[in-house]
C-alpha cells in the first residue's frame, strides 16, 4: 500500500504531473497531502488509476507544476460508494 505524503514530497517526486490521491488531506480548497495512487504527465491518463481507488474513502487529483493565473483548476473530491 502507498505511504501518506505531504504535498511538498509529492511535488518533489512527481514534478509537473497530474497526481491521483487517495484519502487526501485538504484545507478549504488546498491539497495538503494524500496517498499517491497514480500519476501522469497527461490529465486524461488519471482515468487509468481509478480502479486503484477502491480501498480509499475519498479521492482527488492535483497538478504539481505551476499553473498560469489565467487558467482555472477545479478541486474535485470524490467519496467511495462502497
C-alpha atoms as a PDB file:
ATOM      1  CA  UNK A   1       0.000   0.000   0.000  1.00  0.00           C
ATOM      2  CA  UNK A   2       1.072   3.567  -0.647  1.00  0.00           C
ATOM      3  CA  UNK A   3       2.514   5.835   2.045  1.00  0.00           C
ATOM      4  CA  UNK A   4       0.875   9.127   3.006  1.00  0.00           C
ATOM      5  CA  UNK A   5       2.932  12.065   1.726  1.00  0.00           C
ATOM      6  CA  UNK A   6       2.585  15.797   2.205  1.00  0.00           C
ATOM      7  CA  UNK A   7       2.195  17.979  -0.888  1.00  0.00           C
ATOM      8  CA  UNK A   8       5.851  19.082  -0.866  1.00  0.00           C
ATOM      9  CA  UNK A   9       7.014  15.462  -1.016  1.00  0.00           C
ATOM     10  CA  UNK A  10       4.545  14.763  -3.825  1.00  0.00           C
ATOM     11  CA  UNK A  11       5.729  17.800  -5.813  1.00  0.00           C
ATOM     12  CA  UNK A  12       9.344  16.716  -5.372  1.00  0.00           C
ATOM     13  CA  UNK A  13       8.734  13.127  -6.541  1.00  0.00           C
ATOM     14  CA  UNK A  14       6.275  13.964  -9.352  1.00  0.00           C
ATOM     15  CA  UNK A  15       7.175  17.422 -10.708  1.00  0.00           C
ATOM     16  CA  UNK A  16       4.829  18.901 -13.336  1.00  0.00           C
ATOM     17  CA  UNK A  17       2.498  15.902 -13.224  1.00  0.00           C
ATOM     18  CA  UNK A  18      -1.139  15.155 -12.517  1.00  0.00           C
ATOM     19  CA  UNK A  19      -1.424  13.079  -9.353  1.00  0.00           C
ATOM     20  CA  UNK A  20      -4.386  10.989  -8.220  1.00  0.00           C
ATOM     21  CA  UNK A  21      -4.624  10.879  -4.419  1.00  0.00           C
ATOM     22  CA  UNK A  22      -6.444   8.525  -2.090  1.00  0.00           C
ATOM     23  CA  UNK A  23      -7.746   9.813   1.269  1.00  0.00           C
ATOM     24  CA  UNK A  24      -6.402  13.327   0.683  1.00  0.00           C
ATOM     25  CA  UNK A  25      -5.901  15.883   3.426  1.00  0.00           C
ATOM     26  CA  UNK A  26      -7.462  19.156   2.270  1.00  0.00           C
ATOM     27  CA  UNK A  27      -7.725  22.595   3.877  1.00  0.00           C
ATOM     28  CA  UNK A  28     -10.502  24.620   2.228  1.00  0.00           C
ATOM     29  CA  UNK A  29      -9.514  24.069  -1.440  1.00  0.00           C
ATOM     30  CA  UNK A  30      -5.798  23.398  -0.900  1.00  0.00           C
ATOM     31  CA  UNK A  31      -4.486  19.841  -1.123  1.00  0.00           C
ATOM     32  CA  UNK A  32      -2.083  19.251   1.778  1.00  0.00           C
ATOM     33  CA  UNK A  33      -1.226  15.606   1.074  1.00  0.00           C
ATOM     34  CA  UNK A  34      -2.524  12.116   0.461  1.00  0.00           C
ATOM     35  CA  UNK A  35      -1.704   8.627  -0.743  1.00  0.00           C
ATOM     36  CA  UNK A  36      -0.355   8.751  -4.311  1.00  0.00           C
ATOM     37  CA  UNK A  37      -2.330   6.188  -6.274  1.00  0.00           C
ATOM     38  CA  UNK A  38      -1.405   7.157  -9.844  1.00  0.00           C
ATOM     39  CA  UNK A  39       0.482   9.931 -11.648  1.00  0.00           C
ATOM     40  CA  UNK A  40       0.906  11.058 -15.236  1.00  0.00           C
ATOM     41  CA  UNK A  41       2.024  13.978 -17.391  1.00  0.00           C
ATOM     42  CA  UNK A  42      -1.402  13.821 -19.057  1.00  0.00           C
ATOM     43  CA  UNK A  43      -4.538  14.541 -17.011  1.00  0.00           C
ATOM     44  CA  UNK A  44      -6.661  12.191 -19.136  1.00  0.00           C
ATOM     45  CA  UNK A  45      -4.438   9.274 -18.090  1.00  0.00           C
ATOM     46  CA  UNK A  46      -5.688   9.611 -14.497  1.00  0.00           C
ATOM     47  CA  UNK A  47      -8.698   7.523 -15.518  1.00  0.00           C
ATOM     48  CA  UNK A  48      -6.337   4.532 -15.669  1.00  0.00           C
ATOM     49  CA  UNK A  49      -5.786   4.885 -11.925  1.00  0.00           C
ATOM     50  CA  UNK A  50      -9.469   4.892 -10.995  1.00  0.00           C
ATOM     51  CA  UNK A  51      -9.604   1.135 -10.194  1.00  0.00           C
ATOM     52  CA  UNK A  52      -6.784   1.684  -7.677  1.00  0.00           C
ATOM     53  CA  UNK A  53      -9.052   3.886  -5.528  1.00  0.00           C
ATOM     54  CA  UNK A  54     -11.246   1.032  -4.269  1.00  0.00           C
ATOM     55  CA  UNK A  55      -9.525   0.943  -0.855  1.00  0.00           C
ATOM     56  CA  UNK A  56      -9.938   4.671  -0.169  1.00  0.00           C
ATOM     57  CA  UNK A  57     -12.985   6.514   1.175  1.00  0.00           C
ATOM     58  CA  UNK A  58     -12.087   9.810  -0.537  1.00  0.00           C
ATOM     59  CA  UNK A  59     -10.063  10.726  -3.587  1.00  0.00           C
ATOM     60  CA  UNK A  60      -8.987  13.782  -5.546  1.00  0.00           C
ATOM     61  CA  UNK A  61      -6.366  14.879  -8.036  1.00  0.00           C
ATOM     62  CA  UNK A  62      -3.871  17.732  -8.136  1.00  0.00           C
ATOM     63  CA  UNK A  63      -1.279  19.196 -10.502  1.00  0.00           C
ATOM     64  CA  UNK A  64       2.228  19.582  -9.098  1.00  0.00           C
ATOM     65  CA  UNK A  65       3.501  22.185 -11.545  1.00  0.00           C
ATOM     66  CA  UNK A  66       2.982  25.909 -11.911  1.00  0.00           C
ATOM     67  CA  UNK A  67      -0.418  26.991 -13.168  1.00  0.00           C
ATOM     68  CA  UNK A  68      -0.787  30.261 -15.066  1.00  0.00           C
ATOM     69  CA  UNK A  69      -3.057  32.812 -13.391  1.00  0.00           C
ATOM     70  CA  UNK A  70      -5.479  32.861 -16.312  1.00  0.00           C
ATOM     71  CA  UNK A  71      -6.097  29.104 -16.058  1.00  0.00           C
ATOM     72  CA  UNK A  72      -8.574  27.666 -13.577  1.00  0.00           C
ATOM     73  CA  UNK A  73      -8.094  24.327 -11.855  1.00  0.00           C
ATOM     74  CA  UNK A  74     -11.036  22.695 -10.138  1.00  0.00           C
ATOM     75  CA  UNK A  75     -10.710  20.667  -6.992  1.00  0.00           C
ATOM     76  CA  UNK A  76     -12.797  17.525  -7.202  1.00  0.00           C
ATOM     77  CA  UNK A  77     -13.366  15.461  -4.086  1.00  0.00           C
ATOM     78  CA  UNK A  78     -14.967  12.064  -4.526  1.00  0.00           C
ATOM     79  CA  UNK A  79     -16.436   9.719  -1.950  1.00  0.00           C
ATOM     80  CA  UNK A  80     -16.443   5.982  -2.353  1.00  0.00           C
ATOM     81  CA  UNK A  81     -19.910   4.497  -2.641  1.00  0.00           C
ATOM     82  CA  UNK A  82     -18.872   1.218  -1.027  1.00  0.00           C
END
